[in-house]
Amino acid sequence: MSMYFTSTSSWNPDSWRDEILYPVQETATRRIAYRPLSLSDEAATNIANQLATLMEEQKPFLQVGYSLKAMSRAIGIPYYLLSFYLNRQAGMRFTDYLNQYRVAYFVDLVAKGELNNLTLSGIAAHCGFQNRNSLAMAVKRFTGMTPSDLARGNKMDH
């Protein structure tokens, strides 16, 4: 059995594509039922460790427009499994996963005073956000403060 799946039925590791692409059974109303996907604890821990290493070492969250497909290629995990892990195991969408790292990076740069000469749009691009509104919304969501509140608070601390 593959380390990525747990299932009560037998599973052939060479046919994972068939299981994903083809129905398990068809009902009388022609609806298609699919086998539910789940991850073992070991697989979830493995994915979490690979993601943490990727984020810390390569910092892909700084790339504007970074995609789930690019992330799945970077860590060598099928796209659908990574999506499943983030949604079900980590409990967040892909954009939220990236944004938490982007916001932490932003907060760190503010604390170091490294963003003083940039506009909000420039700061957003530097931290991997599409625009300044995305930056402001993510910072507010993850810290409860606006970017300017954080910057003002940091200036008072010095």
Protein backbone atom coordinates (compact mmCIF):
# COMPACT_ATOMS: atom_id res chain seq x y z
CA MET A 1 0.00 0.00 0.00
CA SER A 2 1.25 3.46 -0.86
CA MET A 3 2.19 5.65 2.07
CA TYR A 4 -0.11 8.37 0.69
CA PHE A 5 -3.36 6.46 0.90
CA THR A 6 -5.36 4.75 3.56
CA SER A 7 -8.33 2.77 2.42
CA THR A 8 -10.39 -0.20 3.48
CA SER A 9 -10.31 -1.65 -0.03
CA SER A 10 -7.27 -3.04 -1.78
CA TRP A 11 -5.23 -0.54 -3.71
CA ASN A 12 -2.71 -1.00 -6.46
CA PRO A 13 -0.02 1.72 -6.31
CA ASP A 14 0.42 1.51 -10.10
CA SER A 15 -3.23 2.35 -10.76
CA TRP A 16 -3.73 5.54 -8.74
CA ARG A 17 -4.54 7.41 -11.93
CA ASP A 18 -7.29 4.89 -12.76
CA GLU A 19 -8.81 5.28 -9.31
CA ILE A 20 -8.85 9.04 -9.60
CA LEU A 21 -10.10 9.25 -13.17
CA TYR A 22 -12.61 6.42 -13.22
CA PRO A 23 -15.69 5.84 -11.06
CA VAL A 24 -15.77 3.17 -8.40
CA GLN A 25 -19.44 2.43 -9.07
CA GLU A 26 -22.40 3.80 -10.93
CA THR A 27 -25.78 4.07 -9.25
CA ALA A 28 -29.18 3.52 -10.82
CA THR A 29 -29.63 7.28 -11.31
CA ARG A 30 -26.36 7.42 -13.28
CA ARG A 31 -24.59 9.36 -10.57
CA ILE A 32 -21.02 8.40 -10.10
CA ALA A 33 -19.64 7.47 -6.70
CA TYR A 34 -15.93 7.87 -6.03
CA ARG A 35 -13.77 6.22 -3.43
CA PRO A 36 -13.01 8.75 -0.67
CA LEU A 37 -9.42 9.89 -0.45
CA SER A 38 -7.55 10.10 2.83
CA LEU A 39 -3.94 10.40 3.98
CA SER A 40 -2.20 8.34 6.59
CA ASP A 41 -0.68 10.21 9.54
CA GLU A 42 2.78 9.34 8.22
CA ALA A 43 1.95 10.75 4.77
CA ALA A 44 0.49 13.95 6.22
CA THR A 45 3.60 14.46 8.37
CA ASN A 46 5.83 13.80 5.36
CA ILE A 47 3.98 16.37 3.25
CA ALA A 48 4.05 18.92 6.10
CA ASN A 49 7.81 18.46 6.48
CA GLN A 50 8.43 18.76 2.74
CA LEU A 51 6.34 21.94 2.58
CA ALA A 52 8.09 23.50 5.57
CA THR A 53 11.49 22.75 4.03
CA LEU A 54 10.43 24.18 0.66
CA MET A 55 9.05 27.35 2.24
CA GLU A 56 12.06 27.94 4.47
CA GLU A 57 14.79 27.14 1.95
CA GLN A 58 13.39 28.32 -1.40
CA LYS A 59 10.77 30.87 -0.28
CA PRO A 60 8.46 30.29 -3.27
CA PHE A 61 5.78 32.40 -1.57
CA LEU A 62 7.75 35.47 -2.67
CA GLN A 63 6.93 34.70 -6.30
CA VAL A 64 3.86 36.60 -7.47
CA GLY A 65 1.44 34.11 -9.01
CA TYR A 66 3.04 31.00 -7.52
CA SER A 67 0.69 28.07 -8.16
CA LEU A 68 -0.33 24.86 -6.49
CA LYS A 69 0.89 22.95 -9.54
CA ALA A 70 4.32 24.57 -9.26
CA MET A 71 4.43 23.66 -5.57
CA SER A 72 3.41 20.06 -6.26
CA ARG A 73 6.19 19.76 -8.85
CA ALA A 74 8.71 21.32 -6.45
CA ILE A 75 8.10 18.72 -3.74
CA GLY A 76 7.25 15.80 -6.03
CA ILE A 77 3.75 15.14 -4.73
CA PRO A 78 0.78 14.77 -7.07
CA TYR A 79 -1.29 17.93 -7.40
CA TYR A 80 -4.50 16.34 -6.10
CA LEU A 81 -2.77 14.99 -2.97
CA LEU A 82 -1.22 18.34 -2.13
CA SER A 83 -4.57 20.05 -2.60
CA PHE A 84 -6.24 17.42 -0.42
CA TYR A 85 -3.58 17.85 2.28
CA LEU A 86 -3.91 21.63 2.38
CA ASN A 87 -7.70 21.63 2.37
CA ARG A 88 -8.41 18.73 4.71
CA GLN A 89 -5.33 18.14 6.84
CA ALA A 90 -3.97 21.70 7.15
CA GLY A 91 -7.49 23.20 7.04
CA MET A 92 -6.74 26.05 4.65
CA ARG A 93 -6.83 26.99 1.01
CA PHE A 94 -3.63 27.20 -1.00
CA THR A 95 -3.71 31.02 -1.11
CA ASP A 96 -4.11 31.18 2.67
CA TYR A 97 -1.17 28.80 3.07
CA LEU A 98 1.04 31.06 0.93
CA ASN A 99 -0.29 34.26 2.49
CA GLN A 100 0.56 33.18 6.02
CA TYR A 101 4.20 32.93 4.95
CA ARG A 102 4.00 36.21 3.02
CA VAL A 103 2.56 38.01 6.03
CA ALA A 104 5.20 36.56 8.36
CA TYR A 105 7.86 37.72 5.91
CA PHE A 106 6.27 41.18 5.77
CA VAL A 107 6.12 41.44 9.59
CA ASP A 108 9.77 40.38 9.82
CA LEU A 109 10.83 43.03 7.28
CA VAL A 110 8.82 45.70 9.10
CA ALA A 111 10.46 44.74 12.39
CA LYS A 112 13.89 45.07 10.77
CA GLY A 113 12.97 48.43 9.27
CA GLU A 114 13.77 47.24 5.75
CA LEU A 115 10.61 48.54 4.05
CA ASN A 116 10.86 52.24 4.89
CA ASN A 117 11.70 53.40 1.35
CA LEU A 118 9.07 51.37 -0.52
CA THR A 119 5.49 52.21 -1.46
CA LEU A 120 2.73 49.85 -0.35
CA SER A 121 2.56 48.50 -3.92
CA GLY A 122 6.31 47.93 -3.88
CA ILE A 123 6.11 46.20 -0.53
CA ALA A 124 3.29 43.98 -1.81
CA ALA A 125 5.32 42.88 -4.83
CA HIS A 126 8.42 42.36 -2.66
CA CYS A 127 6.42 40.03 -0.39
CA GLY A 128 4.80 38.05 -3.25
CA PHE A 129 1.36 39.67 -3.33
CA GLN A 130 -0.41 40.59 -6.58
CA ASN A 131 -1.21 44.11 -5.35
CA ARG A 132 -1.39 46.30 -2.27
CA ASN A 133 -5.02 45.38 -1.57
CA SER A 134 -4.10 41.69 -1.36
CA LEU A 135 -1.30 42.60 1.05
CA ALA A 136 -3.59 44.72 3.22
CA MET A 137 -6.33 42.06 3.37
CA ALA A 138 -3.89 39.26 4.21
CA VAL A 139 -2.07 41.29 6.88
CA LYS A 140 -5.39 42.25 8.46
CA ARG A 141 -6.58 38.63 8.36
CA PHE A 142 -3.48 37.10 9.92
CA THR A 143 -2.43 39.85 12.36
CA GLY A 144 -5.63 41.80 13.01
CA MET A 145 -3.78 44.99 12.06
CA THR A 146 -3.30 46.97 8.87
CA PRO A 147 0.16 47.22 7.29
CA SER A 148 0.43 50.88 8.31
CA ASP A 149 -0.57 50.03 11.91
CA LEU A 150 2.24 47.50 12.01
CA ALA A 151 4.72 49.99 10.54
CA ARG A 152 3.66 52.72 13.01
CA GLY A 153 3.92 50.30 15.92
CA ASN A 154 7.39 49.30 14.82
CA LYS A 155 8.55 52.93 14.61
CA MET A 156 7.32 53.54 18.17
CA ASP A 157 9.29 50.53 19.41
CA HIS A 158 12.60 51.96 18.14
